[in-house]
Every structure is written in structure tokens, then in C-alpha cells.
Amino acid sequence: LVAADAIVSLLIVVVVFVCARLRS
């Protein structure tokens, strides 16, 4: 459960970072 939570959190951070870079 901890590993799955870390993976999902990392995935969310990566998606937000990519979207922010594309917009800027």
C-alpha cells in the first residue's frame, strides 16, 4: 500500500510538471 501510494503520488507530480512546462 505504501509503495502504491508513492507510485501514484509520483505519477501525479510528473503529470502536473509536464502540463506546467507545456503551458509555460
PDBML (XML) file of the C-alpha atoms, coordinates in Angstrom:
<?xml version="1.0" encoding="UTF-8" ?>
<PDBx:datablock datablockName="MODEL"
   xmlns:PDBx="http://pdbml.pdb.org/schema/pdbx-v50.xsd"
   xmlns:xsi="http://www.w3.org/2001/XMLSchema-instance"
   xsi:schemaLocation="http://pdbml.pdb.org/schema/pdbx-v50.xsd pdbx-v50.xsd">
   <PDBx:atom_siteCategory>
      <PDBx:atom_site id="1">
         <PDBx:B_iso_or_equiv>0.00</PDBx:B_iso_or_equiv>
         <PDBx:Cartn_x>0.000</PDBx:Cartn_x>
         <PDBx:Cartn_y>0.000</PDBx:Cartn_y>
         <PDBx:Cartn_z>0.000</PDBx:Cartn_z>
         <PDBx:auth_asym_id>A</PDBx:auth_asym_id>
         <PDBx:auth_atom_id>CA</PDBx:auth_atom_id>
         <PDBx:auth_comp_id>LEU</PDBx:auth_comp_id>
         <PDBx:auth_seq_id>1</PDBx:auth_seq_id>
         <PDBx:group_PDB>ATOM</PDBx:group_PDB>
         <PDBx:label_alt_id xsi:nil="true" />
         <PDBx:label_asym_id>A</PDBx:label_asym_id>
         <PDBx:label_atom_id>CA</PDBx:label_atom_id>
         <PDBx:label_comp_id>LEU</PDBx:label_comp_id>
         <PDBx:label_entity_id>1</PDBx:label_entity_id>
         <PDBx:label_seq_id>1</PDBx:label_seq_id>
         <PDBx:occupancy>1.00</PDBx:occupancy>
         <PDBx:pdbx_PDB_model_num>1</PDBx:pdbx_PDB_model_num>
         <PDBx:type_symbol>C</PDBx:type_symbol>
      </PDBx:atom_site>
      <PDBx:atom_site id="2">
         <PDBx:B_iso_or_equiv>0.00</PDBx:B_iso_or_equiv>
         <PDBx:Cartn_x>2.829</PDBx:Cartn_x>
         <PDBx:Cartn_y>2.417</PDBx:Cartn_y>
         <PDBx:Cartn_z>0.808</PDBx:Cartn_z>
         <PDBx:auth_asym_id>A</PDBx:auth_asym_id>
         <PDBx:auth_atom_id>CA</PDBx:auth_atom_id>
         <PDBx:auth_comp_id>VAL</PDBx:auth_comp_id>
         <PDBx:auth_seq_id>2</PDBx:auth_seq_id>
         <PDBx:group_PDB>ATOM</PDBx:group_PDB>
         <PDBx:label_alt_id xsi:nil="true" />
         <PDBx:label_asym_id>A</PDBx:label_asym_id>
         <PDBx:label_atom_id>CA</PDBx:label_atom_id>
         <PDBx:label_comp_id>VAL</PDBx:label_comp_id>
         <PDBx:label_entity_id>1</PDBx:label_entity_id>
         <PDBx:label_seq_id>2</PDBx:label_seq_id>
         <PDBx:occupancy>1.00</PDBx:occupancy>
         <PDBx:pdbx_PDB_model_num>1</PDBx:pdbx_PDB_model_num>
         <PDBx:type_symbol>C</PDBx:type_symbol>
      </PDBx:atom_site>
      <PDBx:atom_site id="3">
         <PDBx:B_iso_or_equiv>0.00</PDBx:B_iso_or_equiv>
         <PDBx:Cartn_x>4.591</PDBx:Cartn_x>
         <PDBx:Cartn_y>1.595</PDBx:Cartn_y>
         <PDBx:Cartn_z>-2.468</PDBx:Cartn_z>
         <PDBx:auth_asym_id>A</PDBx:auth_asym_id>
         <PDBx:auth_atom_id>CA</PDBx:auth_atom_id>
         <PDBx:auth_comp_id>ALA</PDBx:auth_comp_id>
         <PDBx:auth_seq_id>3</PDBx:auth_seq_id>
         <PDBx:group_PDB>ATOM</PDBx:group_PDB>
         <PDBx:label_alt_id xsi:nil="true" />
         <PDBx:label_asym_id>A</PDBx:label_asym_id>
         <PDBx:label_atom_id>CA</PDBx:label_atom_id>
         <PDBx:label_comp_id>ALA</PDBx:label_comp_id>
         <PDBx:label_entity_id>1</PDBx:label_entity_id>
         <PDBx:label_seq_id>3</PDBx:label_seq_id>
         <PDBx:occupancy>1.00</PDBx:occupancy>
         <PDBx:pdbx_PDB_model_num>1</PDBx:pdbx_PDB_model_num>
         <PDBx:type_symbol>C</PDBx:type_symbol>
      </PDBx:atom_site>
      <PDBx:atom_site id="4">
         <PDBx:B_iso_or_equiv>0.00</PDBx:B_iso_or_equiv>
         <PDBx:Cartn_x>1.393</PDBx:Cartn_x>
         <PDBx:Cartn_y>2.003</PDBx:Cartn_y>
         <PDBx:Cartn_z>-4.490</PDBx:Cartn_z>
         <PDBx:auth_asym_id>A</PDBx:auth_asym_id>
         <PDBx:auth_atom_id>CA</PDBx:auth_atom_id>
         <PDBx:auth_comp_id>ALA</PDBx:auth_comp_id>
         <PDBx:auth_seq_id>4</PDBx:auth_seq_id>
         <PDBx:group_PDB>ATOM</PDBx:group_PDB>
         <PDBx:label_alt_id xsi:nil="true" />
         <PDBx:label_asym_id>A</PDBx:label_asym_id>
         <PDBx:label_atom_id>CA</PDBx:label_atom_id>
         <PDBx:label_comp_id>ALA</PDBx:label_comp_id>
         <PDBx:label_entity_id>1</PDBx:label_entity_id>
         <PDBx:label_seq_id>4</PDBx:label_seq_id>
         <PDBx:occupancy>1.00</PDBx:occupancy>
         <PDBx:pdbx_PDB_model_num>1</PDBx:pdbx_PDB_model_num>
         <PDBx:type_symbol>C</PDBx:type_symbol>
      </PDBx:atom_site>
      <PDBx:atom_site id="5">
         <PDBx:B_iso_or_equiv>0.00</PDBx:B_iso_or_equiv>
         <PDBx:Cartn_x>0.706</PDBx:Cartn_x>
         <PDBx:Cartn_y>5.333</PDBx:Cartn_y>
         <PDBx:Cartn_z>-2.791</PDBx:Cartn_z>
         <PDBx:auth_asym_id>A</PDBx:auth_asym_id>
         <PDBx:auth_atom_id>CA</PDBx:auth_atom_id>
         <PDBx:auth_comp_id>ASP</PDBx:auth_comp_id>
         <PDBx:auth_seq_id>5</PDBx:auth_seq_id>
         <PDBx:group_PDB>ATOM</PDBx:group_PDB>
         <PDBx:label_alt_id xsi:nil="true" />
         <PDBx:label_asym_id>A</PDBx:label_asym_id>
         <PDBx:label_atom_id>CA</PDBx:label_atom_id>
         <PDBx:label_comp_id>ASP</PDBx:label_comp_id>
         <PDBx:label_entity_id>1</PDBx:label_entity_id>
         <PDBx:label_seq_id>5</PDBx:label_seq_id>
         <PDBx:occupancy>1.00</PDBx:occupancy>
         <PDBx:pdbx_PDB_model_num>1</PDBx:pdbx_PDB_model_num>
         <PDBx:type_symbol>C</PDBx:type_symbol>
      </PDBx:atom_site>
      <PDBx:atom_site id="6">
         <PDBx:B_iso_or_equiv>0.00</PDBx:B_iso_or_equiv>
         <PDBx:Cartn_x>4.233</PDBx:Cartn_x>
         <PDBx:Cartn_y>6.537</PDBx:Cartn_y>
         <PDBx:Cartn_z>-3.573</PDBx:Cartn_z>
         <PDBx:auth_asym_id>A</PDBx:auth_asym_id>
         <PDBx:auth_atom_id>CA</PDBx:auth_atom_id>
         <PDBx:auth_comp_id>ALA</PDBx:auth_comp_id>
         <PDBx:auth_seq_id>6</PDBx:auth_seq_id>
         <PDBx:group_PDB>ATOM</PDBx:group_PDB>
         <PDBx:label_alt_id xsi:nil="true" />
         <PDBx:label_asym_id>A</PDBx:label_asym_id>
         <PDBx:label_atom_id>CA</PDBx:label_atom_id>
         <PDBx:label_comp_id>ALA</PDBx:label_comp_id>
         <PDBx:label_entity_id>1</PDBx:label_entity_id>
         <PDBx:label_seq_id>6</PDBx:label_seq_id>
         <PDBx:occupancy>1.00</PDBx:occupancy>
         <PDBx:pdbx_PDB_model_num>1</PDBx:pdbx_PDB_model_num>
         <PDBx:type_symbol>C</PDBx:type_symbol>
      </PDBx:atom_site>
      <PDBx:atom_site id="7">
         <PDBx:B_iso_or_equiv>0.00</PDBx:B_iso_or_equiv>
         <PDBx:Cartn_x>3.919</PDBx:Cartn_x>
         <PDBx:Cartn_y>5.497</PDBx:Cartn_y>
         <PDBx:Cartn_z>-7.226</PDBx:Cartn_z>
         <PDBx:auth_asym_id>A</PDBx:auth_asym_id>
         <PDBx:auth_atom_id>CA</PDBx:auth_atom_id>
         <PDBx:auth_comp_id>ILE</PDBx:auth_comp_id>
         <PDBx:auth_seq_id>7</PDBx:auth_seq_id>
         <PDBx:group_PDB>ATOM</PDBx:group_PDB>
         <PDBx:label_alt_id xsi:nil="true" />
         <PDBx:label_asym_id>A</PDBx:label_asym_id>
         <PDBx:label_atom_id>CA</PDBx:label_atom_id>
         <PDBx:label_comp_id>ILE</PDBx:label_comp_id>
         <PDBx:label_entity_id>1</PDBx:label_entity_id>
         <PDBx:label_seq_id>7</PDBx:label_seq_id>
         <PDBx:occupancy>1.00</PDBx:occupancy>
         <PDBx:pdbx_PDB_model_num>1</PDBx:pdbx_PDB_model_num>
         <PDBx:type_symbol>C</PDBx:type_symbol>
      </PDBx:atom_site>
      <PDBx:atom_site id="8">
         <PDBx:B_iso_or_equiv>0.00</PDBx:B_iso_or_equiv>
         <PDBx:Cartn_x>0.557</PDBx:Cartn_x>
         <PDBx:Cartn_y>7.220</PDBx:Cartn_y>
         <PDBx:Cartn_z>-7.680</PDBx:Cartn_z>
         <PDBx:auth_asym_id>A</PDBx:auth_asym_id>
         <PDBx:auth_atom_id>CA</PDBx:auth_atom_id>
         <PDBx:auth_comp_id>VAL</PDBx:auth_comp_id>
         <PDBx:auth_seq_id>8</PDBx:auth_seq_id>
         <PDBx:group_PDB>ATOM</PDBx:group_PDB>
         <PDBx:label_alt_id xsi:nil="true" />
         <PDBx:label_asym_id>A</PDBx:label_asym_id>
         <PDBx:label_atom_id>CA</PDBx:label_atom_id>
         <PDBx:label_comp_id>VAL</PDBx:label_comp_id>
         <PDBx:label_entity_id>1</PDBx:label_entity_id>
         <PDBx:label_seq_id>8</PDBx:label_seq_id>
         <PDBx:occupancy>1.00</PDBx:occupancy>
         <PDBx:pdbx_PDB_model_num>1</PDBx:pdbx_PDB_model_num>
         <PDBx:type_symbol>C</PDBx:type_symbol>
      </PDBx:atom_site>
      <PDBx:atom_site id="9">
         <PDBx:B_iso_or_equiv>0.00</PDBx:B_iso_or_equiv>
         <PDBx:Cartn_x>1.820</PDBx:Cartn_x>
         <PDBx:Cartn_y>10.366</PDBx:Cartn_y>
         <PDBx:Cartn_z>-5.950</PDBx:Cartn_z>
         <PDBx:auth_asym_id>A</PDBx:auth_asym_id>
         <PDBx:auth_atom_id>CA</PDBx:auth_atom_id>
         <PDBx:auth_comp_id>SER</PDBx:auth_comp_id>
         <PDBx:auth_seq_id>9</PDBx:auth_seq_id>
         <PDBx:group_PDB>ATOM</PDBx:group_PDB>
         <PDBx:label_alt_id xsi:nil="true" />
         <PDBx:label_asym_id>A</PDBx:label_asym_id>
         <PDBx:label_atom_id>CA</PDBx:label_atom_id>
         <PDBx:label_comp_id>SER</PDBx:label_comp_id>
         <PDBx:label_entity_id>1</PDBx:label_entity_id>
         <PDBx:label_seq_id>9</PDBx:label_seq_id>
         <PDBx:occupancy>1.00</PDBx:occupancy>
         <PDBx:pdbx_PDB_model_num>1</PDBx:pdbx_PDB_model_num>
         <PDBx:type_symbol>C</PDBx:type_symbol>
      </PDBx:atom_site>
      <PDBx:atom_site id="10">
         <PDBx:B_iso_or_equiv>0.00</PDBx:B_iso_or_equiv>
         <PDBx:Cartn_x>4.908</PDBx:Cartn_x>
         <PDBx:Cartn_y>10.422</PDBx:Cartn_y>
         <PDBx:Cartn_z>-8.163</PDBx:Cartn_z>
         <PDBx:auth_asym_id>A</PDBx:auth_asym_id>
         <PDBx:auth_atom_id>CA</PDBx:auth_atom_id>
         <PDBx:auth_comp_id>LEU</PDBx:auth_comp_id>
         <PDBx:auth_seq_id>10</PDBx:auth_seq_id>
         <PDBx:group_PDB>ATOM</PDBx:group_PDB>
         <PDBx:label_alt_id xsi:nil="true" />
         <PDBx:label_asym_id>A</PDBx:label_asym_id>
         <PDBx:label_atom_id>CA</PDBx:label_atom_id>
         <PDBx:label_comp_id>LEU</PDBx:label_comp_id>
         <PDBx:label_entity_id>1</PDBx:label_entity_id>
         <PDBx:label_seq_id>10</PDBx:label_seq_id>
         <PDBx:occupancy>1.00</PDBx:occupancy>
         <PDBx:pdbx_PDB_model_num>1</PDBx:pdbx_PDB_model_num>
         <PDBx:type_symbol>C</PDBx:type_symbol>
      </PDBx:atom_site>
      <PDBx:atom_site id="11">
         <PDBx:B_iso_or_equiv>0.00</PDBx:B_iso_or_equiv>
         <PDBx:Cartn_x>2.753</PDBx:Cartn_x>
         <PDBx:Cartn_y>9.930</PDBx:Cartn_y>
         <PDBx:Cartn_z>-11.251</PDBx:Cartn_z>
         <PDBx:auth_asym_id>A</PDBx:auth_asym_id>
         <PDBx:auth_atom_id>CA</PDBx:auth_atom_id>
         <PDBx:auth_comp_id>LEU</PDBx:auth_comp_id>
         <PDBx:auth_seq_id>11</PDBx:auth_seq_id>
         <PDBx:group_PDB>ATOM</PDBx:group_PDB>
         <PDBx:label_alt_id xsi:nil="true" />
         <PDBx:label_asym_id>A</PDBx:label_asym_id>
         <PDBx:label_atom_id>CA</PDBx:label_atom_id>
         <PDBx:label_comp_id>LEU</PDBx:label_comp_id>
         <PDBx:label_entity_id>1</PDBx:label_entity_id>
         <PDBx:label_seq_id>11</PDBx:label_seq_id>
         <PDBx:occupancy>1.00</PDBx:occupancy>
         <PDBx:pdbx_PDB_model_num>1</PDBx:pdbx_PDB_model_num>
         <PDBx:type_symbol>C</PDBx:type_symbol>
      </PDBx:atom_site>
      <PDBx:atom_site id="12">
         <PDBx:B_iso_or_equiv>0.00</PDBx:B_iso_or_equiv>
         <PDBx:Cartn_x>0.557</PDBx:Cartn_x>
         <PDBx:Cartn_y>12.887</PDBx:Cartn_y>
         <PDBx:Cartn_z>-10.263</PDBx:Cartn_z>
         <PDBx:auth_asym_id>A</PDBx:auth_asym_id>
         <PDBx:auth_atom_id>CA</PDBx:auth_atom_id>
         <PDBx:auth_comp_id>ILE</PDBx:auth_comp_id>
         <PDBx:auth_seq_id>12</PDBx:auth_seq_id>
         <PDBx:group_PDB>ATOM</PDBx:group_PDB>
         <PDBx:label_alt_id xsi:nil="true" />
         <PDBx:label_asym_id>A</PDBx:label_asym_id>
         <PDBx:label_atom_id>CA</PDBx:label_atom_id>
         <PDBx:label_comp_id>ILE</PDBx:label_comp_id>
         <PDBx:label_entity_id>1</PDBx:label_entity_id>
         <PDBx:label_seq_id>12</PDBx:label_seq_id>
         <PDBx:occupancy>1.00</PDBx:occupancy>
         <PDBx:pdbx_PDB_model_num>1</PDBx:pdbx_PDB_model_num>
         <PDBx:type_symbol>C</PDBx:type_symbol>
      </PDBx:atom_site>
      <PDBx:atom_site id="13">
         <PDBx:B_iso_or_equiv>0.00</PDBx:B_iso_or_equiv>
         <PDBx:Cartn_x>3.618</PDBx:Cartn_x>
         <PDBx:Cartn_y>15.094</PDBx:Cartn_y>
         <PDBx:Cartn_z>-9.696</PDBx:Cartn_z>
         <PDBx:auth_asym_id>A</PDBx:auth_asym_id>
         <PDBx:auth_atom_id>CA</PDBx:auth_atom_id>
         <PDBx:auth_comp_id>VAL</PDBx:auth_comp_id>
         <PDBx:auth_seq_id>13</PDBx:auth_seq_id>
         <PDBx:group_PDB>ATOM</PDBx:group_PDB>
         <PDBx:label_alt_id xsi:nil="true" />
         <PDBx:label_asym_id>A</PDBx:label_asym_id>
         <PDBx:label_atom_id>CA</PDBx:label_atom_id>
         <PDBx:label_comp_id>VAL</PDBx:label_comp_id>
         <PDBx:label_entity_id>1</PDBx:label_entity_id>
         <PDBx:label_seq_id>13</PDBx:label_seq_id>
         <PDBx:occupancy>1.00</PDBx:occupancy>
         <PDBx:pdbx_PDB_model_num>1</PDBx:pdbx_PDB_model_num>
         <PDBx:type_symbol>C</PDBx:type_symbol>
      </PDBx:atom_site>
      <PDBx:atom_site id="14">
         <PDBx:B_iso_or_equiv>0.00</PDBx:B_iso_or_equiv>
         <PDBx:Cartn_x>5.074</PDBx:Cartn_x>
         <PDBx:Cartn_y>14.135</PDBx:Cartn_y>
         <PDBx:Cartn_z>-13.089</PDBx:Cartn_z>
         <PDBx:auth_asym_id>A</PDBx:auth_asym_id>
         <PDBx:auth_atom_id>CA</PDBx:auth_atom_id>
         <PDBx:auth_comp_id>VAL</PDBx:auth_comp_id>
         <PDBx:auth_seq_id>14</PDBx:auth_seq_id>
         <PDBx:group_PDB>ATOM</PDBx:group_PDB>
         <PDBx:label_alt_id xsi:nil="true" />
         <PDBx:label_asym_id>A</PDBx:label_asym_id>
         <PDBx:label_atom_id>CA</PDBx:label_atom_id>
         <PDBx:label_comp_id>VAL</PDBx:label_comp_id>
         <PDBx:label_entity_id>1</PDBx:label_entity_id>
         <PDBx:label_seq_id>14</PDBx:label_seq_id>
         <PDBx:occupancy>1.00</PDBx:occupancy>
         <PDBx:pdbx_PDB_model_num>1</PDBx:pdbx_PDB_model_num>
         <PDBx:type_symbol>C</PDBx:type_symbol>
      </PDBx:atom_site>
      <PDBx:atom_site id="15">
         <PDBx:B_iso_or_equiv>0.00</PDBx:B_iso_or_equiv>
         <PDBx:Cartn_x>1.800</PDBx:Cartn_x>
         <PDBx:Cartn_y>14.832</PDBx:Cartn_y>
         <PDBx:Cartn_z>-14.915</PDBx:Cartn_z>
         <PDBx:auth_asym_id>A</PDBx:auth_asym_id>
         <PDBx:auth_atom_id>CA</PDBx:auth_atom_id>
         <PDBx:auth_comp_id>VAL</PDBx:auth_comp_id>
         <PDBx:auth_seq_id>15</PDBx:auth_seq_id>
         <PDBx:group_PDB>ATOM</PDBx:group_PDB>
         <PDBx:label_alt_id xsi:nil="true" />
         <PDBx:label_asym_id>A</PDBx:label_asym_id>
         <PDBx:label_atom_id>CA</PDBx:label_atom_id>
         <PDBx:label_comp_id>VAL</PDBx:label_comp_id>
         <PDBx:label_entity_id>1</PDBx:label_entity_id>
         <PDBx:label_seq_id>15</PDBx:label_seq_id>
         <PDBx:occupancy>1.00</PDBx:occupancy>
         <PDBx:pdbx_PDB_model_num>1</PDBx:pdbx_PDB_model_num>
         <PDBx:type_symbol>C</PDBx:type_symbol>
      </PDBx:atom_site>
      <PDBx:atom_site id="16">
         <PDBx:B_iso_or_equiv>0.00</PDBx:B_iso_or_equiv>
         <PDBx:Cartn_x>1.434</PDBx:Cartn_x>
         <PDBx:Cartn_y>18.235</PDBx:Cartn_y>
         <PDBx:Cartn_z>-13.241</PDBx:Cartn_z>
         <PDBx:auth_asym_id>A</PDBx:auth_asym_id>
         <PDBx:auth_atom_id>CA</PDBx:auth_atom_id>
         <PDBx:auth_comp_id>VAL</PDBx:auth_comp_id>
         <PDBx:auth_seq_id>16</PDBx:auth_seq_id>
         <PDBx:group_PDB>ATOM</PDBx:group_PDB>
         <PDBx:label_alt_id xsi:nil="true" />
         <PDBx:label_asym_id>A</PDBx:label_asym_id>
         <PDBx:label_atom_id>CA</PDBx:label_atom_id>
         <PDBx:label_comp_id>VAL</PDBx:label_comp_id>
         <PDBx:label_entity_id>1</PDBx:label_entity_id>
         <PDBx:label_seq_id>16</PDBx:label_seq_id>
         <PDBx:occupancy>1.00</PDBx:occupancy>
         <PDBx:pdbx_PDB_model_num>1</PDBx:pdbx_PDB_model_num>
         <PDBx:type_symbol>C</PDBx:type_symbol>
      </PDBx:atom_site>
      <PDBx:atom_site id="17">
         <PDBx:B_iso_or_equiv>0.00</PDBx:B_iso_or_equiv>
         <PDBx:Cartn_x>5.068</PDBx:Cartn_x>
         <PDBx:Cartn_y>19.101</PDBx:Cartn_y>
         <PDBx:Cartn_z>-14.015</PDBx:Cartn_z>
         <PDBx:auth_asym_id>A</PDBx:auth_asym_id>
         <PDBx:auth_atom_id>CA</PDBx:auth_atom_id>
         <PDBx:auth_comp_id>PHE</PDBx:auth_comp_id>
         <PDBx:auth_seq_id>17</PDBx:auth_seq_id>
         <PDBx:group_PDB>ATOM</PDBx:group_PDB>
         <PDBx:label_alt_id xsi:nil="true" />
         <PDBx:label_asym_id>A</PDBx:label_asym_id>
         <PDBx:label_atom_id>CA</PDBx:label_atom_id>
         <PDBx:label_comp_id>PHE</PDBx:label_comp_id>
         <PDBx:label_entity_id>1</PDBx:label_entity_id>
         <PDBx:label_seq_id>17</PDBx:label_seq_id>
         <PDBx:occupancy>1.00</PDBx:occupancy>
         <PDBx:pdbx_PDB_model_num>1</PDBx:pdbx_PDB_model_num>
         <PDBx:type_symbol>C</PDBx:type_symbol>
      </PDBx:atom_site>
      <PDBx:atom_site id="18">
         <PDBx:B_iso_or_equiv>0.00</PDBx:B_iso_or_equiv>
         <PDBx:Cartn_x>4.723</PDBx:Cartn_x>
         <PDBx:Cartn_y>18.121</PDBx:Cartn_y>
         <PDBx:Cartn_z>-17.688</PDBx:Cartn_z>
         <PDBx:auth_asym_id>A</PDBx:auth_asym_id>
         <PDBx:auth_atom_id>CA</PDBx:auth_atom_id>
         <PDBx:auth_comp_id>VAL</PDBx:auth_comp_id>
         <PDBx:auth_seq_id>18</PDBx:auth_seq_id>
         <PDBx:group_PDB>ATOM</PDBx:group_PDB>
         <PDBx:label_alt_id xsi:nil="true" />
         <PDBx:label_asym_id>A</PDBx:label_asym_id>
         <PDBx:label_atom_id>CA</PDBx:label_atom_id>
         <PDBx:label_comp_id>VAL</PDBx:label_comp_id>
         <PDBx:label_entity_id>1</PDBx:label_entity_id>
         <PDBx:label_seq_id>18</PDBx:label_seq_id>
         <PDBx:occupancy>1.00</PDBx:occupancy>
         <PDBx:pdbx_PDB_model_num>1</PDBx:pdbx_PDB_model_num>
         <PDBx:type_symbol>C</PDBx:type_symbol>
      </PDBx:atom_site>
      <PDBx:atom_site id="19">
         <PDBx:B_iso_or_equiv>0.00</PDBx:B_iso_or_equiv>
         <PDBx:Cartn_x>1.477</PDBx:Cartn_x>
         <PDBx:Cartn_y>20.060</PDBx:Cartn_y>
         <PDBx:Cartn_z>-18.079</PDBx:Cartn_z>
         <PDBx:auth_asym_id>A</PDBx:auth_asym_id>
         <PDBx:auth_atom_id>CA</PDBx:auth_atom_id>
         <PDBx:auth_comp_id>CYS</PDBx:auth_comp_id>
         <PDBx:auth_seq_id>19</PDBx:auth_seq_id>
         <PDBx:group_PDB>ATOM</PDBx:group_PDB>
         <PDBx:label_alt_id xsi:nil="true" />
         <PDBx:label_asym_id>A</PDBx:label_asym_id>
         <PDBx:label_atom_id>CA</PDBx:label_atom_id>
         <PDBx:label_comp_id>CYS</PDBx:label_comp_id>
         <PDBx:label_entity_id>1</PDBx:label_entity_id>
         <PDBx:label_seq_id>19</PDBx:label_seq_id>
         <PDBx:occupancy>1.00</PDBx:occupancy>
         <PDBx:pdbx_PDB_model_num>1</PDBx:pdbx_PDB_model_num>
         <PDBx:type_symbol>C</PDBx:type_symbol>
      </PDBx:atom_site>
      <PDBx:atom_site id="20">
         <PDBx:B_iso_or_equiv>0.00</PDBx:B_iso_or_equiv>
         <PDBx:Cartn_x>3.003</PDBx:Cartn_x>
         <PDBx:Cartn_y>23.129</PDBx:Cartn_y>
         <PDBx:Cartn_z>-16.413</PDBx:Cartn_z>
         <PDBx:auth_asym_id>A</PDBx:auth_asym_id>
         <PDBx:auth_atom_id>CA</PDBx:auth_atom_id>
         <PDBx:auth_comp_id>ALA</PDBx:auth_comp_id>
         <PDBx:auth_seq_id>20</PDBx:auth_seq_id>
         <PDBx:group_PDB>ATOM</PDBx:group_PDB>
         <PDBx:label_alt_id xsi:nil="true" />
         <PDBx:label_asym_id>A</PDBx:label_asym_id>
         <PDBx:label_atom_id>CA</PDBx:label_atom_id>
         <PDBx:label_comp_id>ALA</PDBx:label_comp_id>
         <PDBx:label_entity_id>1</PDBx:label_entity_id>
         <PDBx:label_seq_id>20</PDBx:label_seq_id>
         <PDBx:occupancy>1.00</PDBx:occupancy>
         <PDBx:pdbx_PDB_model_num>1</PDBx:pdbx_PDB_model_num>
         <PDBx:type_symbol>C</PDBx:type_symbol>
      </PDBx:atom_site>
      <PDBx:atom_site id="21">
         <PDBx:B_iso_or_equiv>0.00</PDBx:B_iso_or_equiv>
         <PDBx:Cartn_x>6.037</PDBx:Cartn_x>
         <PDBx:Cartn_y>23.019</PDBx:Cartn_y>
         <PDBx:Cartn_z>-18.708</PDBx:Cartn_z>
         <PDBx:auth_asym_id>A</PDBx:auth_asym_id>
         <PDBx:auth_atom_id>CA</PDBx:auth_atom_id>
         <PDBx:auth_comp_id>ARG</PDBx:auth_comp_id>
         <PDBx:auth_seq_id>21</PDBx:auth_seq_id>
         <PDBx:group_PDB>ATOM</PDBx:group_PDB>
         <PDBx:label_alt_id xsi:nil="true" />
         <PDBx:label_asym_id>A</PDBx:label_asym_id>
         <PDBx:label_atom_id>CA</PDBx:label_atom_id>
         <PDBx:label_comp_id>ARG</PDBx:label_comp_id>
         <PDBx:label_entity_id>1</PDBx:label_entity_id>
         <PDBx:label_seq_id>21</PDBx:label_seq_id>
         <PDBx:occupancy>1.00</PDBx:occupancy>
         <PDBx:pdbx_PDB_model_num>1</PDBx:pdbx_PDB_model_num>
         <PDBx:type_symbol>C</PDBx:type_symbol>
      </PDBx:atom_site>
      <PDBx:atom_site id="22">
         <PDBx:B_iso_or_equiv>0.00</PDBx:B_iso_or_equiv>
         <PDBx:Cartn_x>3.893</PDBx:Cartn_x>
         <PDBx:Cartn_y>22.716</PDBx:Cartn_y>
         <PDBx:Cartn_z>-21.811</PDBx:Cartn_z>
         <PDBx:auth_asym_id>A</PDBx:auth_asym_id>
         <PDBx:auth_atom_id>CA</PDBx:auth_atom_id>
         <PDBx:auth_comp_id>LEU</PDBx:auth_comp_id>
         <PDBx:auth_seq_id>22</PDBx:auth_seq_id>
         <PDBx:group_PDB>ATOM</PDBx:group_PDB>
         <PDBx:label_alt_id xsi:nil="true" />
         <PDBx:label_asym_id>A</PDBx:label_asym_id>
         <PDBx:label_atom_id>CA</PDBx:label_atom_id>
         <PDBx:label_comp_id>LEU</PDBx:label_comp_id>
         <PDBx:label_entity_id>1</PDBx:label_entity_id>
         <PDBx:label_seq_id>22</PDBx:label_seq_id>
         <PDBx:occupancy>1.00</PDBx:occupancy>
         <PDBx:pdbx_PDB_model_num>1</PDBx:pdbx_PDB_model_num>
         <PDBx:type_symbol>C</PDBx:type_symbol>
      </PDBx:atom_site>
      <PDBx:atom_site id="23">
         <PDBx:B_iso_or_equiv>0.00</PDBx:B_iso_or_equiv>
         <PDBx:Cartn_x>1.795</PDBx:Cartn_x>
         <PDBx:Cartn_y>25.695</PDBx:Cartn_y>
         <PDBx:Cartn_z>-20.767</PDBx:Cartn_z>
         <PDBx:auth_asym_id>A</PDBx:auth_asym_id>
         <PDBx:auth_atom_id>CA</PDBx:auth_atom_id>
         <PDBx:auth_comp_id>ARG</PDBx:auth_comp_id>
         <PDBx:auth_seq_id>23</PDBx:auth_seq_id>
         <PDBx:group_PDB>ATOM</PDBx:group_PDB>
         <PDBx:label_alt_id xsi:nil="true" />
         <PDBx:label_asym_id>A</PDBx:label_asym_id>
         <PDBx:label_atom_id>CA</PDBx:label_atom_id>
         <PDBx:label_comp_id>ARG</PDBx:label_comp_id>
         <PDBx:label_entity_id>1</PDBx:label_entity_id>
         <PDBx:label_seq_id>23</PDBx:label_seq_id>
         <PDBx:occupancy>1.00</PDBx:occupancy>
         <PDBx:pdbx_PDB_model_num>1</PDBx:pdbx_PDB_model_num>
         <PDBx:type_symbol>C</PDBx:type_symbol>
      </PDBx:atom_site>
      <PDBx:atom_site id="24">
         <PDBx:B_iso_or_equiv>0.00</PDBx:B_iso_or_equiv>
         <PDBx:Cartn_x>4.695</PDBx:Cartn_x>
         <PDBx:Cartn_y>27.969</PDBx:Cartn_y>
         <PDBx:Cartn_z>-19.870</PDBx:Cartn_z>
         <PDBx:auth_asym_id>A</PDBx:auth_asym_id>
         <PDBx:auth_atom_id>CA</PDBx:auth_atom_id>
         <PDBx:auth_comp_id>SER</PDBx:auth_comp_id>
         <PDBx:auth_seq_id>24</PDBx:auth_seq_id>
         <PDBx:group_PDB>ATOM</PDBx:group_PDB>
         <PDBx:label_alt_id xsi:nil="true" />
         <PDBx:label_asym_id>A</PDBx:label_asym_id>
         <PDBx:label_atom_id>CA</PDBx:label_atom_id>
         <PDBx:label_comp_id>SER</PDBx:label_comp_id>
         <PDBx:label_entity_id>1</PDBx:label_entity_id>
         <PDBx:label_seq_id>24</PDBx:label_seq_id>
         <PDBx:occupancy>1.00</PDBx:occupancy>
         <PDBx:pdbx_PDB_model_num>1</PDBx:pdbx_PDB_model_num>
         <PDBx:type_symbol>C</PDBx:type_symbol>
      </PDBx:atom_site>
   </PDBx:atom_siteCategory>
</PDBx:datablock>
